Structure formats: structure tokens, C-alpha cells
C-alpha atoms as a PDB file:
ATOM      1  CA  MET A   1     -20.283  42.304  40.090  1.00  0.00           C
ATOM      2  CA  LYS A   2     -17.132  42.286  38.597  1.00  0.00           C
ATOM      3  CA  THR A   3     -17.374  40.814  34.650  1.00  0.00           C
ATOM      4  CA  LYS A   4     -15.106  38.237  33.482  1.00  0.00           C
ATOM      5  CA  ARG A   5     -13.077  39.412  30.683  1.00  0.00           C
ATOM      6  CA  LYS A   6     -12.970  36.461  27.666  1.00  0.00           C
ATOM      7  CA  LYS A   7      -9.422  35.360  27.565  1.00  0.00           C
ATOM      8  CA  GLU A   8      -8.507  35.726  24.033  1.00  0.00           C
ATOM      9  CA  ILE A   9      -6.980  32.732  22.161  1.00  0.00           C
ATOM     10  CA  LYS A  10      -4.399  33.524  19.622  1.00  0.00           C
ATOM     11  CA  LEU A  11      -5.185  31.042  16.809  1.00  0.00           C
ATOM     12  CA  ASP A  12      -2.623  29.800  13.958  1.00  0.00           C
ATOM     13  CA  LYS A  13      -3.171  29.648  10.236  1.00  0.00           C
ATOM     14  CA  TYR A  14      -4.941  26.052  10.498  1.00  0.00           C
ATOM     15  CA  GLU A  15      -7.019  26.834  12.836  1.00  0.00           C
ATOM     16  CA  LYS A  16      -8.234  30.446  11.498  1.00  0.00           C
ATOM     17  CA  GLN A  17      -9.232  28.619   8.736  1.00  0.00           C
ATOM     18  CA  ILE A  18     -11.303  26.238  10.822  1.00  0.00           C
ATOM     19  CA  GLU A  19     -13.007  28.832  13.010  1.00  0.00           C
ATOM     20  CA  LYS A  20     -13.735  30.738   9.245  1.00  0.00           C
ATOM     21  CA  ASP A  21     -15.566  27.694   7.661  1.00  0.00           C
ATOM     22  CA  ARG A  22     -17.359  26.903  10.923  1.00  0.00           C
ATOM     23  CA  LEU A  23     -18.903  30.477  10.990  1.00  0.00           C
ATOM     24  CA  ALA A  24     -19.497  29.817   7.209  1.00  0.00           C
ATOM     25  CA  GLY A  25     -21.609  26.770   8.130  1.00  0.00           C
ATOM     26  CA  SER A  26     -19.436  24.565   6.222  1.00  0.00           C
ATOM     27  CA  PHE A  27     -19.510  22.321   8.893  1.00  0.00           C
ATOM     28  CA  LYS A  28     -22.477  19.294   9.288  1.00  0.00           C
ATOM     29  CA  ASN A  29     -24.265  18.431  12.091  1.00  0.00           C
ATOM     30  CA  ILE A  30     -22.816  15.255  13.531  1.00  0.00           C
ATOM     31  CA  ASN A  31     -26.429  14.902  14.966  1.00  0.00           C
ATOM     32  CA  GLU A  32     -27.867  14.893  11.805  1.00  0.00           C
ATOM     33  CA  GLU A  33     -25.639  12.808  10.223  1.00  0.00           C
ATOM     34  CA  ASN A  34     -26.190  10.001  13.361  1.00  0.00           C
ATOM     35  CA  SER A  35     -30.072  10.291  12.436  1.00  0.00           C
ATOM     36  CA  VAL A  36     -29.643   9.696   8.666  1.00  0.00           C
ATOM     37  CA  ILE A  37     -27.096   6.562   9.060  1.00  0.00           C
ATOM     38  CA  LYS A  38     -30.258   5.564  12.018  1.00  0.00           C
ATOM     39  CA  LYS A  39     -32.433   5.918   9.697  1.00  0.00           C
ATOM     40  CA  LEU A  40     -30.821   4.259   6.845  1.00  0.00           C
ATOM     41  CA  GLN A  41     -29.776   1.189   9.486  1.00  0.00           C
ATOM     42  CA  SER A  42     -33.600   0.986  10.081  1.00  0.00           C
ATOM     43  CA  MET A  43     -34.708   0.554   6.545  1.00  0.00           C
ATOM     44  CA  ALA A  44     -31.840  -2.284   5.767  1.00  0.00           C
ATOM     45  CA  LYS A  45     -32.860  -4.302   8.744  1.00  0.00           C
ATOM     46  CA  GLU A  46     -36.396  -3.994   7.211  1.00  0.00           C
ATOM     47  CA  GLN A  47     -35.350  -5.721   4.159  1.00  0.00           C
ATOM     48  CA  ILE A  48     -33.335  -8.525   6.157  1.00  0.00           C
ATOM     49  CA  LYS A  49     -36.029 -10.935   7.141  1.00  0.00           C
ATOM     50  CA  GLU A  50     -34.428 -13.518   9.163  1.00  0.00           C
ATOM     51  CA  LYS A  51     -35.764 -15.175  11.866  1.00  0.00           C
ATOM     52  CA  ARG A  52     -33.960 -17.219  14.929  1.00  0.00           C
ATOM     53  CA  ILE A  53     -34.632 -21.250  15.037  1.00  0.00           C
ATOM     54  CA  ASN A  54     -32.973 -23.466  17.233  1.00  0.00           C
ATOM     55  CA  LEU A  55     -32.314 -26.614  15.018  1.00  0.00           C
ATOM     56  CA  ARG A  56     -31.240 -30.086  15.958  1.00  0.00           C
ATOM     57  CA  MET A  57     -28.548 -31.815  13.539  1.00  0.00           C
ATOM     58  CA  ASN A  58     -25.633 -34.615  13.590  1.00  0.00           C
ATOM     59  CA  ALA A  59     -22.809 -33.124  15.629  1.00  0.00           C
ATOM     60  CA  ASP A  60     -20.383 -34.638  12.649  1.00  0.00           C
ATOM     61  CA  ASP A  61     -22.069 -32.353  10.481  1.00  0.00           C
ATOM     62  CA  LEU A  62     -22.473 -29.369  12.662  1.00  0.00           C
ATOM     63  CA  LYS A  63     -18.409 -29.884  13.443  1.00  0.00           C
ATOM     64  CA  TYR A  64     -17.856 -29.934   9.461  1.00  0.00           C
ATOM     65  CA  PHE A  65     -19.766 -26.861   8.912  1.00  0.00           C
ATOM     66  CA  GLU A  66     -18.037 -24.984  11.635  1.00  0.00           C
ATOM     67  CA  MET A  67     -14.414 -26.324  10.306  1.00  0.00           C
ATOM     68  CA  GLU A  68     -15.569 -24.804   6.695  1.00  0.00           C
ATOM     69  CA  ALA A  69     -16.996 -21.854   7.964  1.00  0.00           C
ATOM     70  CA  LYS A  70     -13.826 -20.925   9.555  1.00  0.00           C
ATOM     71  CA  ARG A  71     -12.457 -21.719   6.278  1.00  0.00           C
ATOM     72  CA  MET A  72     -14.196 -19.446   4.896  1.00  0.00           C
ATOM     73  CA  GLY A  73     -13.779 -16.715   7.218  1.00  0.00           C
ATOM     74  CA  MET A  74     -17.484 -17.015   8.663  1.00  0.00           C
ATOM     75  CA  ALA A  75     -19.871 -17.801  11.116  1.00  0.00           C
ATOM     76  CA  TYR A  76     -21.058 -21.582  10.923  1.00  0.00           C
ATOM     77  CA  GLN A  77     -24.746 -20.198  11.196  1.00  0.00           C
ATOM     78  CA  THR A  78     -24.139 -18.424   8.568  1.00  0.00           C
ATOM     79  CA  LEU A  79     -22.976 -21.288   5.778  1.00  0.00           C
ATOM     80  CA  ILE A  80     -25.755 -23.081   7.292  1.00  0.00           C
ATOM     81  CA  GLY A  81     -28.218 -20.429   6.476  1.00  0.00           C
ATOM     82  CA  SER A  82     -26.813 -20.130   2.835  1.00  0.00           C
ATOM     83  CA  VAL A  83     -26.960 -23.700   2.038  1.00  0.00           C
ATOM     84  CA  LEU A  84     -30.552 -23.256   3.319  1.00  0.00           C
ATOM     85  CA  HIS A  85     -31.464 -20.900   1.137  1.00  0.00           C
ATOM     86  CA  ARG A  86     -29.462 -22.431  -1.757  1.00  0.00           C
ATOM     87  CA  TYR A  87     -31.362 -25.420  -0.920  1.00  0.00           C
ATOM     88  CA  ILE A  88     -34.295 -23.567  -1.131  1.00  0.00           C
ATOM     89  CA  HIS A  89     -34.061 -21.922  -4.400  1.00  0.00           C
ATOM     90  CA  ASN A  90     -32.306 -24.870  -6.035  1.00  0.00           C
ATOM     91  CA  GLN A  91     -28.928 -23.714  -6.455  1.00  0.00           C
ATOM     92  CA  LEU A  92     -27.228 -26.465  -5.114  1.00  0.00           C
ATOM     93  CA  ILE A  93     -24.924 -28.363  -7.320  1.00  0.00           C
ATOM     94  CA  ASP A  94     -25.157 -32.551  -6.998  1.00  0.00           C
ATOM     95  CA  VAL A  95     -21.204 -33.139  -7.113  1.00  0.00           C
ATOM     96  CA  LYS A  96     -22.305 -36.911  -7.882  1.00  0.00           C
ATOM     97  CA  GLU A  97     -24.795 -36.106 -10.558  1.00  0.00           C
ATOM     98  CA  ILE A  98     -22.374 -33.410 -12.221  1.00  0.00           C
ATOM     99  CA  ASN A  99     -19.328 -36.929 -12.288  1.00  0.00           C
ATOM    100  CA  LYS A 100     -21.643 -39.065 -13.858  1.00  0.00           C
ATOM    101  CA  VAL A 101     -22.995 -36.902 -16.554  1.00  0.00           C
ATOM    102  CA  THR A 102     -19.791 -35.524 -17.686  1.00  0.00           C
ATOM    103  CA  ARG A 103     -18.368 -38.975 -18.013  1.00  0.00           C
ATOM    104  CA  LYS A 104     -20.840 -39.658 -19.980  1.00  0.00           C
ATOM    105  CA  LYS A 105     -20.166 -37.353 -22.043  1.00  0.00           C
ATOM    106  CA  VAL A 106     -16.376 -37.845 -22.082  1.00  0.00           C
ATOM    107  CA  SER A 107     -16.456 -41.737 -22.942  1.00  0.00           C
END
């Protein structure tokens, strides 16, 4: 039975440095990095407690949300969710009420 001789490959200076670093253990195993990333992604998903819903709304209102979302560079569903969140937490501003108050102060 013949034994195969390994063909010796000549490395340039850059490749020799890479091989030296590899043998010294300077490189991380990409699988370890991926597992850390997956763990962090899983933790992030646990923090975001979203639930899918179906919602009926006026077609003109939906069109408005779609146009505004496109202008803002986001999905219209995200915009609707944001508006609902701000409403629930009393963070929406009623422009008409502000105008009434500011006109009274200016007068």
C-alpha cells in the first residue's frame, strides 16, 4: 500500500501570519459566536411581548396610516401600534386643544 505524500504548500508572509495566529488559538470558533448571538436574540424576543391581532378600521384611516408610515420609512402596522401605545400611556397630543390654550394665552 502506497502512502500519499502531503503536497507542501508555500505560504506568503500574510498567510504565514494567519497560520501562526490560528495555531496560537487567536481565532474564535464561529459556532460559539453564533450560539451567543442566538442566546441574545432569544432574550430580546422574550422582552418584546407582542401579540398579533386582527383589527377592523375605516379604509380612509388605513390609507392615511399607510401613507404616513411610508413617509416615515416604517411599516404601517408599526405606526398603528405606536399610536395605540402612546394613546394608552396618555402620550398623544391633541393639537386642537393646544391651539385653544395657546390662543387664550396670546390674547
